[in-house]
Amino acid sequence: MPRRRTIGPGFDGEGHPGRLLRRQILPALKLTISQAAQDLGITRQSLHRILAGRAAITPEMALRFERLCGVSSRFWLERQHAYELLRAEAAMENALSQIPQHPLPENIMAELDVK
């Protein structure tokens, strides 16, 4: 059974990070979608696709969000990655269960700093 991943406060690990932008960040900044898009140098439609969860937060967009609100680009990319990984795990559950496991020895795991 796949493990559930948790990211940290303010993110439930289930939703697209655009939801966080839409529900918490833009209201806290008192920015409309139009104003935020203008400030970010992107179209309103591009921002709306992210806020609706229909477009991913790219490294370039994460850098724009960092500049806009001071939340690190790493924060946005980690949440995007976690969202995509959860979706992939759900979509591949049956296929993954068919793959045999061959765990690495503990000393190799420690060398790789993998938990």
PDB file of N, CA and C in Angstrom:
ATOM      1  N   MET A   1       0.846  -1.178   0.000  1.00  0.00           N
ATOM      2  CA  MET A   1       0.000   0.000   0.000  1.00  0.00           C
ATOM      3  C   MET A   1       0.891   1.240   0.000  1.00  0.00           C
ATOM      4  N   PRO A   2       0.644   2.231  -0.899  1.00  0.00           N
ATOM      5  CA  PRO A   2       1.466   3.421  -0.955  1.00  0.00           C
ATOM      6  C   PRO A   2       1.344   4.266   0.309  1.00  0.00           C
ATOM      7  N   ARG A   3       2.452   4.877   0.687  1.00  0.00           N
ATOM      8  CA  ARG A   3       2.443   5.774   1.839  1.00  0.00           C
ATOM      9  C   ARG A   3       1.822   7.107   1.440  1.00  0.00           C
ATOM     10  N   ARG A   4       1.141   7.734   2.368  1.00  0.00           N
ATOM     11  CA  ARG A   4       0.643   9.084   2.149  1.00  0.00           C
ATOM     12  C   ARG A   4       1.756  10.046   2.491  1.00  0.00           C
ATOM     13  N   ARG A   5       1.948  11.025   1.678  1.00  0.00           N
ATOM     14  CA  ARG A   5       3.007  12.003   1.911  1.00  0.00           C
ATOM     15  C   ARG A   5       2.408  13.269   2.504  1.00  0.00           C
ATOM     16  N   THR A   6       3.114  13.837   3.434  1.00  0.00           N
ATOM     17  CA  THR A   6       2.693  15.104   4.000  1.00  0.00           C
ATOM     18  C   THR A   6       3.768  16.124   3.705  1.00  0.00           C
ATOM     19  N   ILE A   7       3.356  17.326   3.506  1.00  0.00           N
ATOM     20  CA  ILE A   7       4.278  18.390   3.119  1.00  0.00           C
ATOM     21  C   ILE A   7       4.521  19.348   4.260  1.00  0.00           C
ATOM     22  N   GLY A   8       3.503  19.754   4.916  1.00  0.00           N
ATOM     23  CA  GLY A   8       3.671  20.700   6.006  1.00  0.00           C
ATOM     24  C   GLY A   8       2.410  21.521   6.186  1.00  0.00           C
ATOM     25  N   PRO A   9       2.456  22.455   7.118  1.00  0.00           N
ATOM     26  CA  PRO A   9       1.287  23.279   7.400  1.00  0.00           C
ATOM     27  C   PRO A   9       0.823  24.044   6.164  1.00  0.00           C
ATOM     28  N   GLY A  10      -0.472  24.207   6.036  1.00  0.00           N
ATOM     29  CA  GLY A  10      -1.022  24.986   4.942  1.00  0.00           C
ATOM     30  C   GLY A  10      -1.221  24.206   3.654  1.00  0.00           C
ATOM     31  N   PHE A  11      -0.883  22.925   3.664  1.00  0.00           N
ATOM     32  CA  PHE A  11      -1.061  22.124   2.456  1.00  0.00           C
ATOM     33  C   PHE A  11      -1.464  20.738   2.880  1.00  0.00           C
ATOM     34  N   ASP A  12      -2.584  20.255   2.350  1.00  0.00           N
ATOM     35  CA  ASP A  12      -3.112  18.973   2.793  1.00  0.00           C
ATOM     36  C   ASP A  12      -2.550  17.783   2.016  1.00  0.00           C
ATOM     37  N   GLY A  13      -1.686  18.027   1.051  1.00  0.00           N
ATOM     38  CA  GLY A  13      -1.102  16.938   0.298  1.00  0.00           C
ATOM     39  C   GLY A  13      -2.032  16.358  -0.743  1.00  0.00           C
ATOM     40  N   GLU A  14      -3.247  16.835  -0.796  1.00  0.00           N
ATOM     41  CA  GLU A  14      -4.228  16.287  -1.721  1.00  0.00           C
ATOM     42  C   GLU A  14      -4.494  17.208  -2.901  1.00  0.00           C
ATOM     43  N   GLY A  15      -4.374  18.487  -2.701  1.00  0.00           N
ATOM     44  CA  GLY A  15      -4.791  19.413  -3.740  1.00  0.00           C
ATOM     45  C   GLY A  15      -3.654  20.068  -4.489  1.00  0.00           C
ATOM     46  N   HIS A  16      -4.019  20.575  -5.639  1.00  0.00           N
ATOM     47  CA  HIS A  16      -3.082  21.321  -6.471  1.00  0.00           C
ATOM     48  C   HIS A  16      -2.648  22.579  -5.713  1.00  0.00           C
ATOM     49  N   PRO A  17      -1.372  22.961  -5.807  1.00  0.00           N
ATOM     50  CA  PRO A  17      -0.921  24.151  -5.081  1.00  0.00           C
ATOM     51  C   PRO A  17      -1.582  25.439  -5.548  1.00  0.00           C
ATOM     52  N   GLY A  18      -2.196  25.418  -6.723  1.00  0.00           N
ATOM     53  CA  GLY A  18      -2.960  26.581  -7.170  1.00  0.00           C
ATOM     54  C   GLY A  18      -4.107  26.908  -6.227  1.00  0.00           C
ATOM     55  N   ARG A  19      -4.650  25.876  -5.584  1.00  0.00           N
ATOM     56  CA  ARG A  19      -5.716  26.103  -4.594  1.00  0.00           C
ATOM     57  C   ARG A  19      -5.212  26.971  -3.450  1.00  0.00           C
ATOM     58  N   LEU A  20      -3.997  26.715  -3.015  1.00  0.00           N
ATOM     59  CA  LEU A  20      -3.401  27.505  -1.937  1.00  0.00           C
ATOM     60  C   LEU A  20      -3.257  28.961  -2.363  1.00  0.00           C
ATOM     61  N   LEU A  21      -2.821  29.161  -3.584  1.00  0.00           N
ATOM     62  CA  LEU A  21      -2.714  30.526  -4.116  1.00  0.00           C
ATOM     63  C   LEU A  21      -4.079  31.200  -4.139  1.00  0.00           C
ATOM     64  N   ARG A  22      -5.067  30.498  -4.646  1.00  0.00           N
ATOM     65  CA  ARG A  22      -6.406  31.065  -4.795  1.00  0.00           C
ATOM     66  C   ARG A  22      -7.071  31.342  -3.449  1.00  0.00           C
ATOM     67  N   ARG A  23      -6.930  30.389  -2.511  1.00  0.00           N
ATOM     68  CA  ARG A  23      -7.669  30.501  -1.245  1.00  0.00           C
ATOM     69  C   ARG A  23      -6.969  31.311  -0.178  1.00  0.00           C
ATOM     70  N   GLN A  24      -5.624  31.332  -0.191  1.00  0.00           N
ATOM     71  CA  GLN A  24      -4.923  31.997   0.899  1.00  0.00           C
ATOM     72  C   GLN A  24      -4.007  33.132   0.455  1.00  0.00           C
ATOM     73  N   ILE A  25      -3.194  32.890  -0.548  1.00  0.00           N
ATOM     74  CA  ILE A  25      -2.155  33.855  -0.898  1.00  0.00           C
ATOM     75  C   ILE A  25      -2.729  35.129  -1.519  1.00  0.00           C
ATOM     76  N   LEU A  26      -3.491  34.980  -2.603  1.00  0.00           N
ATOM     77  CA  LEU A  26      -4.023  36.184  -3.255  1.00  0.00           C
ATOM     78  C   LEU A  26      -4.940  36.989  -2.335  1.00  0.00           C
ATOM     79  N   PRO A  27      -5.848  36.340  -1.581  1.00  0.00           N
ATOM     80  CA  PRO A  27      -6.658  37.139  -0.654  1.00  0.00           C
ATOM     81  C   PRO A  27      -5.811  37.853   0.416  1.00  0.00           C
ATOM     82  N   ALA A  28      -4.783  37.181   0.927  1.00  0.00           N
ATOM     83  CA  ALA A  28      -3.936  37.815   1.946  1.00  0.00           C
ATOM     84  C   ALA A  28      -3.191  39.013   1.376  1.00  0.00           C
ATOM     85  N   LEU A  29      -2.880  38.945   0.080  1.00  0.00           N
ATOM     86  CA  LEU A  29      -2.190  40.062  -0.578  1.00  0.00           C
ATOM     87  C   LEU A  29      -3.174  41.113  -1.089  1.00  0.00           C
ATOM     88  N   LYS A  30      -4.470  40.803  -0.961  1.00  0.00           N
ATOM     89  CA  LYS A  30      -5.534  41.683  -1.464  1.00  0.00           C
ATOM     90  C   LYS A  30      -5.363  41.964  -2.959  1.00  0.00           C
ATOM     91  N   LEU A  31      -5.038  40.876  -3.690  1.00  0.00           N
ATOM     92  CA  LEU A  31      -4.854  40.985  -5.134  1.00  0.00           C
ATOM     93  C   LEU A  31      -5.964  40.240  -5.867  1.00  0.00           C
ATOM     94  N   THR A  32      -6.478  40.855  -6.910  1.00  0.00           N
ATOM     95  CA  THR A  32      -7.389  40.158  -7.803  1.00  0.00           C
ATOM     96  C   THR A  32      -6.552  39.283  -8.731  1.00  0.00           C
ATOM     97  N   ILE A  33      -7.208  38.362  -9.404  1.00  0.00           N
ATOM     98  CA  ILE A  33      -6.508  37.529 -10.375  1.00  0.00           C
ATOM     99  C   ILE A  33      -5.907  38.413 -11.464  1.00  0.00           C
ATOM    100  N   SER A  34      -6.660  39.389 -11.916  1.00  0.00           N
ATOM    101  CA  SER A  34      -6.165  40.281 -12.971  1.00  0.00           C
ATOM    102  C   SER A  34      -4.932  41.050 -12.521  1.00  0.00           C
ATOM    103  N   GLN A  35      -4.972  41.603 -11.313  1.00  0.00           N
ATOM    104  CA  GLN A  35      -3.828  42.367 -10.818  1.00  0.00           C
ATOM    105  C   GLN A  35      -2.626  41.463 -10.594  1.00  0.00           C
ATOM    106  N   ALA A  36      -2.851  40.285 -10.022  1.00  0.00           N
ATOM    107  CA  ALA A  36      -1.749  39.352  -9.791  1.00  0.00           C
ATOM    108  C   ALA A  36      -1.120  38.943 -11.117  1.00  0.00           C
ATOM    109  N   ALA A  37      -1.940  38.640 -12.114  1.00  0.00           N
ATOM    110  CA  ALA A  37      -1.416  38.260 -13.428  1.00  0.00           C
ATOM    111  C   ALA A  37      -0.582  39.392 -14.019  1.00  0.00           C
ATOM    112  N   GLN A  38      -1.077  40.595 -13.907  1.00  0.00           N
ATOM    113  CA  GLN A  38      -0.333  41.755 -14.416  1.00  0.00           C
ATOM    114  C   GLN A  38       0.996  41.895 -13.675  1.00  0.00           C
ATOM    115  N   ASP A  39       0.965  41.791 -12.357  1.00  0.00           N
ATOM    116  CA  ASP A  39       2.189  41.911 -11.566  1.00  0.00           C
ATOM    117  C   ASP A  39       3.185  40.801 -11.901  1.00  0.00           C
ATOM    118  N   LEU A  40       2.670  39.610 -12.190  1.00  0.00           N
ATOM    119  CA  LEU A  40       3.524  38.461 -12.521  1.00  0.00           C
ATOM    120  C   LEU A  40       4.046  38.517 -13.950  1.00  0.00           C
ATOM    121  N   GLY A  41       3.445  39.353 -14.775  1.00  0.00           N
ATOM    122  CA  GLY A  41       3.852  39.444 -16.173  1.00  0.00           C
ATOM    123  C   GLY A  41       3.346  38.285 -17.016  1.00  0.00           C
ATOM    124  N   ILE A  42       2.156  37.774 -16.662  1.00  0.00           N
ATOM    125  CA  ILE A  42       1.557  36.666 -17.398  1.00  0.00           C
ATOM    126  C   ILE A  42       0.114  37.023 -17.723  1.00  0.00           C
ATOM    127  N   THR A  43      -0.515  36.219 -18.562  1.00  0.00           N
ATOM    128  CA  THR A  43      -1.914  36.482 -18.878  1.00  0.00           C
ATOM    129  C   THR A  43      -2.808  36.039 -17.720  1.00  0.00           C
ATOM    130  N   ARG A  44      -3.963  36.653 -17.664  1.00  0.00           N
ATOM    131  CA  ARG A  44      -4.944  36.277 -16.656  1.00  0.00           C
ATOM    132  C   ARG A  44      -5.350  34.818 -16.844  1.00  0.00           C
ATOM    133  N   GLN A  45      -5.467  34.389 -18.098  1.00  0.00           N
ATOM    134  CA  GLN A  45      -5.845  33.018 -18.395  1.00  0.00           C
ATOM    135  C   GLN A  45      -4.801  32.032 -17.876  1.00  0.00           C
ATOM    136  N   SER A  46      -3.524  32.369 -18.026  1.00  0.00           N
ATOM    137  CA  SER A  46      -2.458  31.483 -17.529  1.00  0.00           C
ATOM    138  C   SER A  46      -2.550  31.327 -16.017  1.00  0.00           C
ATOM    139  N   LEU A  47      -2.748  32.433 -15.320  1.00  0.00           N
ATOM    140  CA  LEU A  47      -2.866  32.369 -13.863  1.00  0.00           C
ATOM    141  C   LEU A  47      -4.128  31.606 -13.474  1.00  0.00           C
ATOM    142  N   HIS A  48      -5.217  31.858 -14.166  1.00  0.00           N
ATOM    143  CA  HIS A  48      -6.467  31.165 -13.843  1.00  0.00           C
ATOM    144  C   HIS A  48      -6.306  29.655 -13.990  1.00  0.00           C
ATOM    145  N   ARG A  49      -5.589  29.188 -15.019  1.00  0.00           N
ATOM    146  CA  ARG A  49      -5.375  27.743 -15.199  1.00  0.00           C
ATOM    147  C   ARG A  49      -4.621  27.149 -14.006  1.00  0.00           C
ATOM    148  N   ILE A  50      -3.651  27.886 -13.474  1.00  0.00           N
ATOM    149  CA  ILE A  50      -2.923  27.415 -12.289  1.00  0.00           C
ATOM    150  C   ILE A  50      -3.846  27.392 -11.079  1.00  0.00           C
ATOM    151  N   LEU A  51      -4.582  28.462 -10.874  1.00  0.00           N
ATOM    152  CA  LEU A  51      -5.478  28.555  -9.721  1.00  0.00           C
ATOM    153  C   LEU A  51      -6.571  27.488  -9.763  1.00  0.00           C
ATOM    154  N   ALA A  52      -6.967  27.092 -10.967  1.00  0.00           N
ATOM    155  CA  ALA A  52      -8.004  26.065 -11.135  1.00  0.00           C
ATOM    156  C   ALA A  52      -7.421  24.654 -11.111  1.00  0.00           C
ATOM    157  N   GLY A  53      -6.103  24.537 -11.019  1.00  0.00           N
ATOM    158  CA  GLY A  53      -5.474  23.221 -10.980  1.00  0.00           C
ATOM    159  C   GLY A  53      -5.350  22.565 -12.337  1.00  0.00           C
ATOM    160  N   ARG A  54      -5.491  23.338 -13.401  1.00  0.00           N
ATOM    161  CA  ARG A  54      -5.399  22.776 -14.754  1.00  0.00           C
ATOM    162  C   ARG A  54      -4.025  22.972 -15.385  1.00  0.00           C
ATOM    163  N   ALA A  55      -3.149  23.696 -14.707  1.00  0.00           N
ATOM    164  CA  ALA A  55      -1.787  23.895 -15.201  1.00  0.00           C
ATOM    165  C   ALA A  55      -0.831  23.759 -14.021  1.00  0.00           C
ATOM    166  N   ALA A  56       0.336  23.218 -14.306  1.00  0.00           N
ATOM    167  CA  ALA A  56       1.349  23.004 -13.269  1.00  0.00           C
ATOM    168  C   ALA A  56       2.104  24.293 -12.973  1.00  0.00           C
ATOM    169  N   ILE A  57       2.647  24.354 -11.773  1.00  0.00           N
ATOM    170  CA  ILE A  57       3.561  25.439 -11.418  1.00  0.00           C
ATOM    171  C   ILE A  57       4.946  25.012 -11.887  1.00  0.00           C
ATOM    172  N   THR A  58       5.452  25.714 -12.867  1.00  0.00           N
ATOM    173  CA  THR A  58       6.768  25.424 -13.435  1.00  0.00           C
ATOM    174  C   THR A  58       7.848  26.117 -12.601  1.00  0.00           C
ATOM    175  N   PRO A  59       9.111  25.761 -12.807  1.00  0.00           N
ATOM    176  CA  PRO A  59      10.175  26.479 -12.099  1.00  0.00           C
ATOM    177  C   PRO A  59      10.137  27.987 -12.362  1.00  0.00           C
ATOM    178  N   GLU A  60       9.874  28.368 -13.593  1.00  0.00           N
ATOM    179  CA  GLU A  60       9.802  29.795 -13.929  1.00  0.00           C
ATOM    180  C   GLU A  60       8.653  30.479 -13.187  1.00  0.00           C
ATOM    181  N   MET A  61       7.505  29.803 -13.127  1.00  0.00           N
ATOM    182  CA  MET A  61       6.361  30.385 -12.430  1.00  0.00           C
ATOM    183  C   MET A  61       6.610  30.426 -10.930  1.00  0.00           C
ATOM    184  N   ALA A  62       7.264  29.405 -10.397  1.00  0.00           N
ATOM    185  CA  ALA A  62       7.597  29.389  -8.967  1.00  0.00           C
ATOM    186  C   ALA A  62       8.483  30.583  -8.620  1.00  0.00           C
ATOM    187  N   LEU A  63       9.414  30.918  -9.499  1.00  0.00           N
ATOM    188  CA  LEU A  63      10.266  32.092  -9.265  1.00  0.00           C
ATOM    189  C   LEU A  63       9.443  33.376  -9.293  1.00  0.00           C
ATOM    190  N   ARG A  64       8.460  33.442 -10.171  1.00  0.00           N
ATOM    191  CA  ARG A  64       7.580  34.619 -10.208  1.00  0.00           C
ATOM    192  C   ARG A  64       6.768  34.729  -8.914  1.00  0.00           C
ATOM    193  N   PHE A  65       6.231  33.588  -8.448  1.00  0.00           N
ATOM    194  CA  PHE A  65       5.464  33.613  -7.195  1.00  0.00           C
ATOM    195  C   PHE A  65       6.345  34.009  -6.016  1.00  0.00           C
ATOM    196  N   GLU A  66       7.589  33.528  -6.006  1.00  0.00           N
ATOM    197  CA  GLU A  66       8.510  33.900  -4.930  1.00  0.00           C
ATOM    198  C   GLU A  66       8.713  35.413  -4.909  1.00  0.00           C
ATOM    199  N   ARG A  67       8.896  35.989  -6.069  1.00  0.00           N
ATOM    200  CA  ARG A  67       9.100  37.437  -6.156  1.00  0.00           C
ATOM    201  C   ARG A  67       7.838  38.190  -5.723  1.00  0.00           C
ATOM    202  N   LEU A  68       6.686  37.667  -6.108  1.00  0.00           N
ATOM    203  CA  LEU A  68       5.418  38.328  -5.802  1.00  0.00           C
ATOM    204  C   LEU A  68       5.115  38.353  -4.318  1.00  0.00           C
ATOM    205  N   CYS A  69       5.264  37.195  -3.659  1.00  0.00           N
ATOM    206  CA  CYS A  69       4.767  37.110  -2.278  1.00  0.00           C
ATOM    207  C   CYS A  69       5.815  36.717  -1.243  1.00  0.00           C
ATOM    208  N   GLY A  70       7.039  36.396  -1.682  1.00  0.00           N
ATOM    209  CA  GLY A  70       8.086  36.077  -0.729  1.00  0.00           C
ATOM    210  C   GLY A  70       8.116  34.626  -0.282  1.00  0.00           C
ATOM    211  N   VAL A  71       7.218  33.787  -0.812  1.00  0.00           N
ATOM    212  CA  VAL A  71       7.227  32.362  -0.496  1.00  0.00           C
ATOM    213  C   VAL A  71       8.173  31.703  -1.492  1.00  0.00           C
ATOM    214  N   SER A  72       9.117  30.927  -0.990  1.00  0.00           N
ATOM    215  CA  SER A  72      10.199  30.424  -1.832  1.00  0.00           C
ATOM    216  C   SER A  72       9.713  29.594  -3.015  1.00  0.00           C
ATOM    217  N   SER A  73      10.480  29.670  -4.083  1.00  0.00           N
ATOM    218  CA  SER A  73      10.182  28.875  -5.274  1.00  0.00           C
ATOM    219  C   SER A  73      10.241  27.384  -4.935  1.00  0.00           C
ATOM    220  N   ARG A  74      11.123  27.002  -4.032  1.00  0.00           N
ATOM    221  CA  ARG A  74      11.224  25.603  -3.612  1.00  0.00           C
ATOM    222  C   ARG A  74       9.904  25.131  -2.985  1.00  0.00           C
ATOM    223  N   PHE A  75       9.287  25.980  -2.165  1.00  0.00           N
ATOM    224  CA  PHE A  75       7.984  25.664  -1.559  1.00  0.00           C
ATOM    225  C   PHE A  75       6.976  25.299  -2.639  1.00  0.00           C
ATOM    226  N   TRP A  76       6.852  26.152  -3.673  1.00  0.00           N
ATOM    227  CA  TRP A  76       5.871  25.912  -4.739  1.00  0.00           C
ATOM    228  C   TRP A  76       6.199  24.659  -5.538  1.00  0.00           C
ATOM    229  N   LEU A  77       7.466  24.459  -5.842  1.00  0.00           N
ATOM    230  CA  LEU A  77       7.848  23.286  -6.631  1.00  0.00           C
ATOM    231  C   LEU A  77       7.680  21.992  -5.848  1.00  0.00           C
ATOM    232  N   GLU A  78       7.978  22.003  -4.555  1.00  0.00           N
ATOM    233  CA  GLU A  78       7.784  20.808  -3.736  1.00  0.00           C
ATOM    234  C   GLU A  78       6.314  20.426  -3.675  1.00  0.00           C
ATOM    235  N   ARG A  79       5.445  21.413  -3.558  1.00  0.00           N
ATOM    236  CA  ARG A  79       4.023  21.123  -3.506  1.00  0.00           C
ATOM    237  C   ARG A  79       3.490  20.642  -4.848  1.00  0.00           C
ATOM    238  N   GLN A  80       3.996  21.217  -5.929  1.00  0.00           N
ATOM    239  CA  GLN A  80       3.585  20.749  -7.250  1.00  0.00           C
ATOM    240  C   GLN A  80       4.034  19.304  -7.457  1.00  0.00           C
ATOM    241  N   HIS A  81       5.269  19.032  -7.068  1.00  0.00           N
ATOM    242  CA  HIS A  81       5.811  17.681  -7.205  1.00  0.00           C
ATOM    243  C   HIS A  81       5.000  16.686  -6.359  1.00  0.00           C
ATOM    244  N   ALA A  82       4.691  17.052  -5.132  1.00  0.00           N
ATOM    245  CA  ALA A  82       3.913  16.168  -4.250  1.00  0.00           C
ATOM    246  C   ALA A  82       2.536  15.893  -4.840  1.00  0.00           C
ATOM    247  N   TYR A  83       1.915  16.918  -5.389  1.00  0.00           N
ATOM    248  CA  TYR A  83       0.595  16.757  -6.009  1.00  0.00           C
ATOM    249  C   TYR A  83       0.676  15.783  -7.186  1.00  0.00           C
ATOM    250  N   GLU A  84       1.662  15.977  -8.046  1.00  0.00           N
ATOM    251  CA  GLU A  84       1.812  15.105  -9.213  1.00  0.00           C
ATOM    252  C   GLU A  84       2.136  13.669  -8.810  1.00  0.00           C
ATOM    253  N   LEU A  85       2.961  13.513  -7.790  1.00  0.00           N
ATOM    254  CA  LEU A  85       3.320  12.173  -7.331  1.00  0.00           C
ATOM    255  C   LEU A  85       2.111  11.441  -6.754  1.00  0.00           C
ATOM    256  N   LEU A  86       1.300  12.126  -5.972  1.00  0.00           N
ATOM    257  CA  LEU A  86       0.089  11.506  -5.426  1.00  0.00           C
ATOM    258  C   LEU A  86      -0.858  11.066  -6.536  1.00  0.00           C
ATOM    259  N   ARG A  87      -1.008  11.905  -7.547  1.00  0.00           N
ATOM    260  CA  ARG A  87      -1.876  11.547  -8.679  1.00  0.00           C
ATOM    261  C   ARG A  87      -1.319  10.342  -9.426  1.00  0.00           C
ATOM    262  N   ALA A  88       0.001  10.325  -9.639  1.00  0.00           N
ATOM    263  CA  ALA A  88       0.620   9.194 -10.347  1.00  0.00           C
ATOM    264  C   ALA A  88       0.474   7.908  -9.542  1.00  0.00           C
ATOM    265  N   GLU A  89       0.677   7.980  -8.221  1.00  0.00           N
ATOM    266  CA  GLU A  89       0.526   6.793  -7.377  1.00  0.00           C
ATOM    267  C   GLU A  89      -0.881   6.221  -7.474  1.00  0.00           C
ATOM    268  N   ALA A  90      -1.865   7.097  -7.454  1.00  0.00           N
ATOM    269  CA  ALA A  90      -3.250   6.644  -7.541  1.00  0.00           C
ATOM    270  C   ALA A  90      -3.525   6.022  -8.909  1.00  0.00           C
ATOM    271  N   ALA A  91      -3.039   6.653  -9.952  1.00  0.00           N
ATOM    272  CA  ALA A  91      -3.274   6.156 -11.309  1.00  0.00           C
ATOM    273  C   ALA A  91      -2.543   4.844 -11.583  1.00  0.00           C
ATOM    274  N   MET A  92      -1.407   4.649 -10.928  1.00  0.00           N
ATOM    275  CA  MET A  92      -0.574   3.474 -11.207  1.00  0.00           C
ATOM    276  C   MET A  92      -0.672   2.389 -10.144  1.00  0.00           C
ATOM    277  N   GLU A  93      -1.597   2.513  -9.222  1.00  0.00           N
ATOM    278  CA  GLU A  93      -1.679   1.591  -8.095  1.00  0.00           C
ATOM    279  C   GLU A  93      -1.638   0.125  -8.531  1.00  0.00           C
ATOM    280  N   ASN A  94      -2.444  -0.253  -9.499  1.00  0.00           N
ATOM    281  CA  ASN A  94      -2.475  -1.650  -9.940  1.00  0.00           C
ATOM    282  C   ASN A  94      -1.163  -2.060 -10.594  1.00  0.00           C
ATOM    283  N   ALA A  95      -0.634  -1.241 -11.475  1.00  0.00           N
ATOM    284  CA  ALA A  95       0.620  -1.567 -12.165  1.00  0.00           C
ATOM    285  C   ALA A  95       1.766  -1.681 -11.166  1.00  0.00           C
ATOM    286  N   LEU A  96       1.820  -0.787 -10.193  1.00  0.00           N
ATOM    287  CA  LEU A  96       2.907  -0.814  -9.210  1.00  0.00           C
ATOM    288  C   LEU A  96       2.841  -2.073  -8.339  1.00  0.00           C
ATOM    289  N   SER A  97       1.631  -2.531  -8.064  1.00  0.00           N
ATOM    290  CA  SER A  97       1.501  -3.725  -7.221  1.00  0.00           C
ATOM    291  C   SER A  97       2.038  -4.977  -7.917  1.00  0.00           C
ATOM    292  N   GLN A  98       2.188  -4.925  -9.222  1.00  0.00           N
ATOM    293  CA  GLN A  98       2.700  -6.063  -9.986  1.00  0.00           C
ATOM    294  C   GLN A  98       4.233  -6.089 -10.078  1.00  0.00           C
ATOM    295  N   ILE A  99       4.885  -5.025  -9.674  1.00  0.00           N
ATOM    296  CA  ILE A  99       6.346  -4.933  -9.769  1.00  0.00           C
ATOM    297  C   ILE A  99       6.966  -5.508  -8.500  1.00  0.00           C
ATOM    298  N   PRO A 100       7.842  -6.507  -8.640  1.00  0.00           N
ATOM    299  CA  PRO A 100       8.475  -7.067  -7.437  1.00  0.00           C
ATOM    300  C   PRO A 100       9.446  -6.052  -6.823  1.00  0.00           C
ATOM    301  N   GLN A 101       9.562  -6.102  -5.515  1.00  0.00           N
ATOM    302  CA  GLN A 101      10.465  -5.207  -4.806  1.00  0.00           C
ATOM    303  C   GLN A 101      11.797  -5.891  -4.557  1.00  0.00           C
ATOM    304  N   HIS A 102      12.874  -5.140  -4.752  1.00  0.00           N
ATOM    305  CA  HIS A 102      14.232  -5.607  -4.496  1.00  0.00           C
ATOM    306  C   HIS A 102      14.933  -4.523  -3.667  1.00  0.00           C
ATOM    307  N   PRO A 103      14.696  -4.502  -2.362  1.00  0.00           N
ATOM    308  CA  PRO A 103      15.244  -3.437  -1.516  1.00  0.00           C
ATOM    309  C   PRO A 103      16.779  -3.424  -1.512  1.00  0.00           C
ATOM    310  N   LEU A 104      17.322  -2.217  -1.511  1.00  0.00           N
ATOM    311  CA  LEU A 104      18.764  -2.042  -1.387  1.00  0.00           C
ATOM    312  C   LEU A 104      19.208  -2.355   0.033  1.00  0.00           C
ATOM    313  N   PRO A 105      20.444  -2.801   0.203  1.00  0.00           N
ATOM    314  CA  PRO A 105      20.976  -3.003   1.561  1.00  0.00           C
ATOM    315  C   PRO A 105      20.979  -1.670   2.332  1.00  0.00           C
ATOM    316  N   GLU A 106      20.838  -1.782   3.647  1.00  0.00           N
ATOM    317  CA  GLU A 106      20.766  -0.586   4.497  1.00  0.00           C
ATOM    318  C   GLU A 106      21.973   0.327   4.354  1.00  0.00           C
ATOM    319  N   ASN A 107      23.172  -0.248   4.175  1.00  0.00           N
ATOM    320  CA  ASN A 107      24.367   0.595   4.075  1.00  0.00           C
ATOM    321  C   ASN A 107      24.302   1.457   2.803  1.00  0.00           C
ATOM    322  N   ILE A 108      23.751   0.948   1.737  1.00  0.00           N
ATOM    323  CA  ILE A 108      23.620   1.725   0.520  1.00  0.00           C
ATOM    324  C   ILE A 108      22.559   2.804   0.712  1.00  0.00           C
ATOM    325  N   MET A 109      21.462   2.445   1.340  1.00  0.00           N
ATOM    326  CA  MET A 109      20.409   3.427   1.631  1.00  0.00           C
ATOM    327  C   MET A 109      20.968   4.564   2.488  1.00  0.00           C
ATOM    328  N   ALA A 110      21.793   4.210   3.490  1.00  0.00           N
ATOM    329  CA  ALA A 110      22.379   5.233   4.351  1.00  0.00           C
ATOM    330  C   ALA A 110      23.338   6.111   3.547  1.00  0.00           C
ATOM    331  N   GLU A 111      24.102   5.507   2.683  1.00  0.00           N
ATOM    332  CA  GLU A 111      25.049   6.265   1.852  1.00  0.00           C
ATOM    333  C   GLU A 111      24.314   7.252   0.948  1.00  0.00           C
ATOM    334  N   LEU A 112      23.159   6.850   0.473  1.00  0.00           N
ATOM    335  CA  LEU A 112      22.344   7.715  -0.381  1.00  0.00           C
ATOM    336  C   LEU A 112      21.514   8.714   0.429  1.00  0.00           C
ATOM    337  N   ASP A 113      21.537   8.559   1.749  1.00  0.00           N
ATOM    338  CA  ASP A 113      20.742   9.386   2.657  1.00  0.00           C
ATOM    339  C   ASP A 113      19.256   9.260   2.350  1.00  0.00           C
ATOM    340  N   VAL A 114      18.822   8.008   2.134  1.00  0.00           N
ATOM    341  CA  VAL A 114      17.429   7.703   1.832  1.00  0.00           C
ATOM    342  C   VAL A 114      16.809   7.063   3.066  1.00  0.00           C
ATOM    343  N   LYS A 115      15.630   7.532   3.391  1.00  0.00           N
ATOM    344  CA  LYS A 115      14.938   6.985   4.568  1.00  0.00           C
ATOM    345  C   LYS A 115      13.786   6.127   4.133  1.00  0.00           C
TER     346      LYS A 115
END
